[in-house]
PDB file of N, CA and C in Angstrom:
ATOM      1  N   MET A   1       0.841  -1.183   0.000  1.00  0.00           N
ATOM      2  CA  MET A   1       0.000   0.000   0.000  1.00  0.00           C
ATOM      3  C   MET A   1       0.887   1.248   0.000  1.00  0.00           C
ATOM      4  N   GLU A   2       0.642   2.106  -0.941  1.00  0.00           N
ATOM      5  CA  GLU A   2       1.432   3.325  -1.073  1.00  0.00           C
ATOM      6  C   GLU A   2       1.237   4.226   0.148  1.00  0.00           C
ATOM      7  N   ASN A   3       2.332   4.847   0.604  1.00  0.00           N
ATOM      8  CA  ASN A   3       2.250   5.747   1.755  1.00  0.00           C
ATOM      9  C   ASN A   3       2.273   7.191   1.257  1.00  0.00           C
ATOM     10  N   ILE A   4       1.111   7.651   0.837  1.00  0.00           N
ATOM     11  CA  ILE A   4       0.986   9.006   0.311  1.00  0.00           C
ATOM     12  C   ILE A   4       1.157  10.038   1.420  1.00  0.00           C
ATOM     13  N   LYS A   5       0.903   9.642   2.672  1.00  0.00           N
ATOM     14  CA  LYS A   5       1.021  10.575   3.794  1.00  0.00           C
ATOM     15  C   LYS A   5       2.452  11.084   3.948  1.00  0.00           C
ATOM     16  N   ILE A   6       3.414  10.207   3.814  1.00  0.00           N
ATOM     17  CA  ILE A   6       4.817  10.620   3.937  1.00  0.00           C
ATOM     18  C   ILE A   6       5.194  11.529   2.767  1.00  0.00           C
ATOM     19  N   LYS A   7       4.797  11.142   1.573  1.00  0.00           N
ATOM     20  CA  LYS A   7       5.132  11.953   0.402  1.00  0.00           C
ATOM     21  C   LYS A   7       4.530  13.351   0.529  1.00  0.00           C
ATOM     22  N   LEU A   8       3.270  13.444   0.926  1.00  0.00           N
ATOM     23  CA  LEU A   8       2.626  14.751   1.061  1.00  0.00           C
ATOM     24  C   LEU A   8       3.317  15.603   2.117  1.00  0.00           C
ATOM     25  N   ALA A   9       3.642  15.008   3.263  1.00  0.00           N
ATOM     26  CA  ALA A   9       4.317  15.748   4.334  1.00  0.00           C
ATOM     27  C   ALA A   9       5.699  16.210   3.879  1.00  0.00           C
ATOM     28  N   ARG A  10       6.385  15.359   3.135  1.00  0.00           N
ATOM     29  CA  ARG A  10       7.717  15.704   2.633  1.00  0.00           C
ATOM     30  C   ARG A  10       7.636  16.876   1.661  1.00  0.00           C
ATOM     31  N   VAL A  11       6.694  16.812   0.731  1.00  0.00           N
ATOM     32  CA  VAL A  11       6.537  17.870  -0.264  1.00  0.00           C
ATOM     33  C   VAL A  11       6.105  19.181   0.410  1.00  0.00           C
ATOM     34  N   GLU A  12       5.212  19.088   1.406  1.00  0.00           N
ATOM     35  CA  GLU A  12       4.776  20.291   2.127  1.00  0.00           C
ATOM     36  C   GLU A  12       5.948  21.002   2.804  1.00  0.00           C
ATOM     37  N   LYS A  13       6.941  20.239   3.237  1.00  0.00           N
ATOM     38  CA  LYS A  13       8.124  20.834   3.868  1.00  0.00           C
ATOM     39  C   LYS A  13       9.175  21.253   2.836  1.00  0.00           C
ATOM     40  N   GLY A  14       8.885  21.009   1.560  1.00  0.00           N
ATOM     41  CA  GLY A  14       9.802  21.405   0.499  1.00  0.00           C
ATOM     42  C   GLY A  14      11.041  20.534   0.416  1.00  0.00           C
ATOM     43  N   LEU A  15      10.910  19.272   0.820  1.00  0.00           N
ATOM     44  CA  LEU A  15      12.049  18.357   0.825  1.00  0.00           C
ATOM     45  C   LEU A  15      11.967  17.376  -0.337  1.00  0.00           C
ATOM     46  N   SER A  16      13.106  17.093  -0.923  1.00  0.00           N
ATOM     47  CA  SER A  16      13.189  16.010  -1.906  1.00  0.00           C
ATOM     48  C   SER A  16      13.370  14.703  -1.140  1.00  0.00           C
ATOM     49  N   GLN A  17      13.266  13.593  -1.857  1.00  0.00           N
ATOM     50  CA  GLN A  17      13.535  12.305  -1.211  1.00  0.00           C
ATOM     51  C   GLN A  17      14.956  12.284  -0.667  1.00  0.00           C
ATOM     52  N   GLN A  18      15.895  12.850  -1.408  1.00  0.00           N
ATOM     53  CA  GLN A  18      17.291  12.879  -0.961  1.00  0.00           C
ATOM     54  C   GLN A  18      17.440  13.728   0.293  1.00  0.00           C
ATOM     55  N   ASP A  19      16.752  14.878   0.340  1.00  0.00           N
ATOM     56  CA  ASP A  19      16.817  15.736   1.529  1.00  0.00           C
ATOM     57  C   ASP A  19      16.340  14.974   2.766  1.00  0.00           C
ATOM     58  N   LEU A  20      15.198  14.300   2.639  1.00  0.00           N
ATOM     59  CA  LEU A  20      14.662  13.542   3.777  1.00  0.00           C
ATOM     60  C   LEU A  20      15.605  12.401   4.144  1.00  0.00           C
ATOM     61  N   ALA A  21      16.126  11.729   3.153  1.00  0.00           N
ATOM     62  CA  ALA A  21      17.065  10.630   3.410  1.00  0.00           C
ATOM     63  C   ALA A  21      18.275  11.126   4.200  1.00  0.00           C
ATOM     64  N   ASP A  22      18.796  12.280   3.816  1.00  0.00           N
ATOM     65  CA  ASP A  22      19.947  12.845   4.521  1.00  0.00           C
ATOM     66  C   ASP A  22      19.597  13.165   5.975  1.00  0.00           C
ATOM     67  N   LEU A  23      18.383  13.671   6.201  1.00  0.00           N
ATOM     68  CA  LEU A  23      17.963  14.025   7.569  1.00  0.00           C
ATOM     69  C   LEU A  23      17.820  12.806   8.475  1.00  0.00           C
ATOM     70  N   VAL A  24      17.412  11.678   7.897  1.00  0.00           N
ATOM     71  CA  VAL A  24      17.134  10.488   8.712  1.00  0.00           C
ATOM     72  C   VAL A  24      18.208   9.407   8.582  1.00  0.00           C
ATOM     73  N   ASP A  25      19.303   9.741   7.909  1.00  0.00           N
ATOM     74  CA  ASP A  25      20.417   8.801   7.744  1.00  0.00           C
ATOM     75  C   ASP A  25      19.996   7.523   7.023  1.00  0.00           C
ATOM     76  N   ALA A  26      19.321   7.735   5.881  1.00  0.00           N
ATOM     77  CA  ALA A  26      18.888   6.616   5.040  1.00  0.00           C
ATOM     78  C   ALA A  26      19.287   6.947   3.605  1.00  0.00           C
ATOM     79  N   THR A  27      18.949   6.070   2.682  1.00  0.00           N
ATOM     80  CA  THR A  27      19.223   6.340   1.276  1.00  0.00           C
ATOM     81  C   THR A  27      17.970   6.893   0.605  1.00  0.00           C
ATOM     82  N   ARG A  28      18.169   7.576  -0.501  1.00  0.00           N
ATOM     83  CA  ARG A  28      17.027   8.071  -1.270  1.00  0.00           C
ATOM     84  C   ARG A  28      16.156   6.912  -1.731  1.00  0.00           C
ATOM     85  N   GLN A  29      16.799   5.811  -2.088  1.00  0.00           N
ATOM     86  CA  GLN A  29      16.063   4.638  -2.541  1.00  0.00           C
ATOM     87  C   GLN A  29      15.153   4.100  -1.439  1.00  0.00           C
ATOM     88  N   THR A  30      15.635   4.116  -0.199  1.00  0.00           N
ATOM     89  CA  THR A  30      14.829   3.636   0.923  1.00  0.00           C
ATOM     90  C   THR A  30      13.588   4.510   1.085  1.00  0.00           C
ATOM     91  N   ILE A  31      13.759   5.820   1.019  1.00  0.00           N
ATOM     92  CA  ILE A  31      12.617   6.733   1.144  1.00  0.00           C
ATOM     93  C   ILE A  31      11.622   6.476   0.014  1.00  0.00           C
ATOM     94  N   GLY A  32      12.127   6.303  -1.188  1.00  0.00           N
ATOM     95  CA  GLY A  32      11.258   6.007  -2.330  1.00  0.00           C
ATOM     96  C   GLY A  32      10.470   4.721  -2.133  1.00  0.00           C
ATOM     97  N   LEU A  33      11.126   3.695  -1.636  1.00  0.00           N
ATOM     98  CA  LEU A  33      10.444   2.420  -1.399  1.00  0.00           C
ATOM     99  C   LEU A  33       9.409   2.528  -0.290  1.00  0.00           C
ATOM    100  N   ILE A  34       9.704   3.302   0.751  1.00  0.00           N
ATOM    101  CA  ILE A  34       8.734   3.514   1.833  1.00  0.00           C
ATOM    102  C   ILE A  34       7.504   4.220   1.271  1.00  0.00           C
ATOM    103  N   GLU A  35       7.715   5.256   0.477  1.00  0.00           N
ATOM    104  CA  GLU A  35       6.597   5.997  -0.107  1.00  0.00           C
ATOM    105  C   GLU A  35       5.766   5.126  -1.041  1.00  0.00           C
ATOM    106  N   LYS A  36       6.392   4.182  -1.724  1.00  0.00           N
ATOM    107  CA  LYS A  36       5.673   3.275  -2.626  1.00  0.00           C
ATOM    108  C   LYS A  36       5.027   2.109  -1.886  1.00  0.00           C
ATOM    109  N   GLY A  37       5.320   1.975  -0.583  1.00  0.00           N
ATOM    110  CA  GLY A  37       4.753   0.871   0.191  1.00  0.00           C
ATOM    111  C   GLY A  37       5.444  -0.452  -0.052  1.00  0.00           C
ATOM    112  N   LYS A  38       6.683  -0.394  -0.540  1.00  0.00           N
ATOM    113  CA  LYS A  38       7.423  -1.620  -0.839  1.00  0.00           C
ATOM    114  C   LYS A  38       8.498  -1.934   0.192  1.00  0.00           C
ATOM    115  N   TYR A  39       8.547  -1.133   1.254  1.00  0.00           N
ATOM    116  CA  TYR A  39       9.547  -1.354   2.306  1.00  0.00           C
ATOM    117  C   TYR A  39       8.940  -0.939   3.636  1.00  0.00           C
ATOM    118  N   ASN A  40       9.037  -1.817   4.622  1.00  0.00           N
ATOM    119  CA  ASN A  40       8.553  -1.508   5.960  1.00  0.00           C
ATOM    120  C   ASN A  40       9.743  -1.054   6.807  1.00  0.00           C
ATOM    121  N   PRO A  41       9.785   0.234   7.138  1.00  0.00           N
ATOM    122  CA  PRO A  41      10.923   0.746   7.902  1.00  0.00           C
ATOM    123  C   PRO A  41      10.884   0.288   9.355  1.00  0.00           C
ATOM    124  N   SER A  42      12.039   0.303   9.985  1.00  0.00           N
ATOM    125  CA  SER A  42      12.125  -0.011  11.409  1.00  0.00           C
ATOM    126  C   SER A  42      11.418   1.091  12.198  1.00  0.00           C
ATOM    127  N   LEU A  43      11.092   0.785  13.429  1.00  0.00           N
ATOM    128  CA  LEU A  43      10.461   1.787  14.292  1.00  0.00           C
ATOM    129  C   LEU A  43      11.375   2.991  14.448  1.00  0.00           C
ATOM    130  N   ASN A  44      12.662   2.745  14.593  1.00  0.00           N
ATOM    131  CA  ASN A  44      13.636   3.835  14.731  1.00  0.00           C
ATOM    132  C   ASN A  44      13.589   4.767  13.524  1.00  0.00           C
ATOM    133  N   LEU A  45      13.541   4.208  12.330  1.00  0.00           N
ATOM    134  CA  LEU A  45      13.482   5.022  11.124  1.00  0.00           C
ATOM    135  C   LEU A  45      12.140   5.752  11.039  1.00  0.00           C
ATOM    136  N   CYS A  46      11.059   5.102  11.423  1.00  0.00           N
ATOM    137  CA  CYS A  46       9.742   5.759  11.430  1.00  0.00           C
ATOM    138  C   CYS A  46       9.760   6.988  12.334  1.00  0.00           C
ATOM    139  N   VAL A  47      10.358   6.855  13.505  1.00  0.00           N
ATOM    140  CA  VAL A  47      10.437   7.974  14.447  1.00  0.00           C
ATOM    141  C   VAL A  47      11.255   9.110  13.842  1.00  0.00           C
ATOM    142  N   LYS A  48      12.387   8.777  13.223  1.00  0.00           N
ATOM    143  CA  LYS A  48      13.222   9.807  12.602  1.00  0.00           C
ATOM    144  C   LYS A  48      12.474  10.537  11.487  1.00  0.00           C
ATOM    145  N   ILE A  49      11.743   9.791  10.687  1.00  0.00           N
ATOM    146  CA  ILE A  49      10.975  10.399   9.598  1.00  0.00           C
ATOM    147  C   ILE A  49       9.902  11.324  10.175  1.00  0.00           C
ATOM    148  N   ALA A  50       9.168  10.838  11.162  1.00  0.00           N
ATOM    149  CA  ALA A  50       8.102  11.647  11.767  1.00  0.00           C
ATOM    150  C   ALA A  50       8.655  12.941  12.358  1.00  0.00           C
ATOM    151  N   LYS A  51       9.751  12.844  13.093  1.00  0.00           N
ATOM    152  CA  LYS A  51      10.351  14.044  13.684  1.00  0.00           C
ATOM    153  C   LYS A  51      10.834  15.007  12.601  1.00  0.00           C
ATOM    154  N   SER A  52      11.439  14.494  11.561  1.00  0.00           N
ATOM    155  CA  SER A  52      11.954  15.342  10.486  1.00  0.00           C
ATOM    156  C   SER A  52      10.840  16.062   9.743  1.00  0.00           C
ATOM    157  N   LEU A  53       9.662  15.453   9.699  1.00  0.00           N
ATOM    158  CA  LEU A  53       8.539  16.040   8.975  1.00  0.00           C
ATOM    159  C   LEU A  53       7.566  16.760   9.912  1.00  0.00           C
ATOM    160  N   ASP A  54       7.927  16.872  11.198  1.00  0.00           N
ATOM    161  CA  ASP A  54       7.071  17.522  12.193  1.00  0.00           C
ATOM    162  C   ASP A  54       5.683  16.903  12.236  1.00  0.00           C
ATOM    163  N   ARG A  55       5.651  15.583  12.216  1.00  0.00           N
ATOM    164  CA  ARG A  55       4.400  14.829  12.283  1.00  0.00           C
ATOM    165  C   ARG A  55       4.526  13.775  13.378  1.00  0.00           C
ATOM    166  N   THR A  56       3.392  13.180  13.745  1.00  0.00           N
ATOM    167  CA  THR A  56       3.413  12.071  14.696  1.00  0.00           C
ATOM    168  C   THR A  56       3.473  10.760  13.909  1.00  0.00           C
ATOM    169  N   LEU A  57       3.803   9.693  14.605  1.00  0.00           N
ATOM    170  CA  LEU A  57       3.789   8.378  13.956  1.00  0.00           C
ATOM    171  C   LEU A  57       2.398   8.072  13.421  1.00  0.00           C
ATOM    172  N   ASN A  58       1.373   8.403  14.205  1.00  0.00           N
ATOM    173  CA  ASN A  58       0.000   8.163  13.751  1.00  0.00           C
ATOM    174  C   ASN A  58      -0.310   8.943  12.485  1.00  0.00           C
ATOM    175  N   ASP A  59       0.156  10.184  12.412  1.00  0.00           N
ATOM    176  CA  ASP A  59      -0.094  10.997  11.217  1.00  0.00           C
ATOM    177  C   ASP A  59       0.422  10.305   9.958  1.00  0.00           C
ATOM    178  N   LEU A  60       1.572   9.679  10.061  1.00  0.00           N
ATOM    179  CA  LEU A  60       2.236   9.136   8.874  1.00  0.00           C
ATOM    180  C   LEU A  60       2.016   7.651   8.635  1.00  0.00           C
ATOM    181  N   PHE A  61       1.821   6.881   9.705  1.00  0.00           N
ATOM    182  CA  PHE A  61       1.841   5.428   9.531  1.00  0.00           C
ATOM    183  C   PHE A  61       0.571   4.706   9.948  1.00  0.00           C
ATOM    184  N   TRP A  62      -0.409   5.408  10.503  1.00  0.00           N
ATOM    185  CA  TRP A  62      -1.639   4.737  10.951  1.00  0.00           C
ATOM    186  C   TRP A  62      -2.649   4.714   9.817  1.00  0.00           C
ATOM    187  N   TYR A  63      -3.228   3.555   9.562  1.00  0.00           N
ATOM    188  CA  TYR A  63      -4.226   3.413   8.520  1.00  0.00           C
ATOM    189  C   TYR A  63      -5.513   2.891   9.133  1.00  0.00           C
ATOM    190  N   GLU A  64      -6.610   3.553   8.801  1.00  0.00           N
ATOM    191  CA  GLU A  64      -7.925   3.076   9.222  1.00  0.00           C
ATOM    192  C   GLU A  64      -8.315   1.946   8.297  1.00  0.00           C
ATOM    193  N   ASP A  65      -8.854   0.891   8.883  1.00  0.00           N
ATOM    194  CA  ASP A  65      -9.350  -0.224   8.080  1.00  0.00           C
ATOM    195  C   ASP A  65     -10.773   0.113   7.662  1.00  0.00           C
ATOM    196  N   LYS A  66     -10.949   0.459   6.407  1.00  0.00           N
ATOM    197  CA  LYS A  66     -12.256   0.873   5.906  1.00  0.00           C
ATOM    198  C   LYS A  66     -12.999  -0.332   5.349  1.00  0.00           C
ATOM    199  N   LYS A  67     -13.841  -0.908   6.183  1.00  0.00           N
ATOM    200  CA  LYS A  67     -14.598  -2.107   5.758  1.00  0.00           C
ATOM    201  C   LYS A  67     -15.994  -1.738   5.365  1.00  0.00           C
TER     202      LYS A  67
END
Protein backbone atom coordinates (compact mmCIF):
# COMPACT_ATOMS: atom_id res chain seq x y z
CA MET A 1 0.00 0.00 0.00
CA GLU A 2 1.43 3.32 -1.07
CA ASN A 3 2.25 5.75 1.75
CA ILE A 4 0.99 9.01 0.31
CA LYS A 5 1.02 10.57 3.79
CA ILE A 6 4.82 10.62 3.94
CA LYS A 7 5.13 11.95 0.40
CA LEU A 8 2.63 14.75 1.06
CA ALA A 9 4.32 15.75 4.33
CA ARG A 10 7.72 15.70 2.63
CA VAL A 11 6.54 17.87 -0.26
CA GLU A 12 4.78 20.29 2.13
CA LYS A 13 8.12 20.83 3.87
CA GLY A 14 9.80 21.41 0.50
CA LEU A 15 12.05 18.36 0.83
CA SER A 16 13.19 16.01 -1.91
CA GLN A 17 13.54 12.30 -1.21
CA GLN A 18 17.29 12.88 -0.96
CA ASP A 19 16.82 15.74 1.53
CA LEU A 20 14.66 13.54 3.78
CA ALA A 21 17.06 10.63 3.41
CA ASP A 22 19.95 12.85 4.52
CA LEU A 23 17.96 14.02 7.57
CA VAL A 24 17.13 10.49 8.71
CA ASP A 25 20.42 8.80 7.74
CA ALA A 26 18.89 6.62 5.04
CA THR A 27 19.22 6.34 1.28
CA ARG A 28 17.03 8.07 -1.27
CA GLN A 29 16.06 4.64 -2.54
CA THR A 30 14.83 3.64 0.92
CA ILE A 31 12.62 6.73 1.14
CA GLY A 32 11.26 6.01 -2.33
CA LEU A 33 10.44 2.42 -1.40
CA ILE A 34 8.73 3.51 1.83
CA GLU A 35 6.60 6.00 -0.11
CA LYS A 36 5.67 3.28 -2.63
CA GLY A 37 4.75 0.87 0.19
CA LYS A 38 7.42 -1.62 -0.84
CA TYR A 39 9.55 -1.35 2.31
CA ASN A 40 8.55 -1.51 5.96
CA PRO A 41 10.92 0.75 7.90
CA SER A 42 12.13 -0.01 11.41
CA LEU A 43 10.46 1.79 14.29
CA ASN A 44 13.64 3.83 14.73
CA LEU A 45 13.48 5.02 11.12
CA CYS A 46 9.74 5.76 11.43
CA VAL A 47 10.44 7.97 14.45
CA LYS A 48 13.22 9.81 12.60
CA ILE A 49 10.97 10.40 9.60
CA ALA A 50 8.10 11.65 11.77
CA LYS A 51 10.35 14.04 13.68
CA SER A 52 11.95 15.34 10.49
CA LEU A 53 8.54 16.04 8.98
CA ASP A 54 7.07 17.52 12.19
CA ARG A 55 4.40 14.83 12.28
CA THR A 56 3.41 12.07 14.70
CA LEU A 57 3.79 8.38 13.96
CA ASN A 58 0.00 8.16 13.75
CA ASP A 59 -0.09 11.00 11.22
CA LEU A 60 2.24 9.14 8.87
CA PHE A 61 1.84 5.43 9.53
CA TRP A 62 -1.64 4.74 10.95
CA TYR A 63 -4.23 3.41 8.52
CA GLU A 64 -7.92 3.08 9.22
CA ASP A 65 -9.35 -0.22 8.08
CA LYS A 66 -12.26 0.87 5.91
CA LYS A 67 -14.60 -2.11 5.76
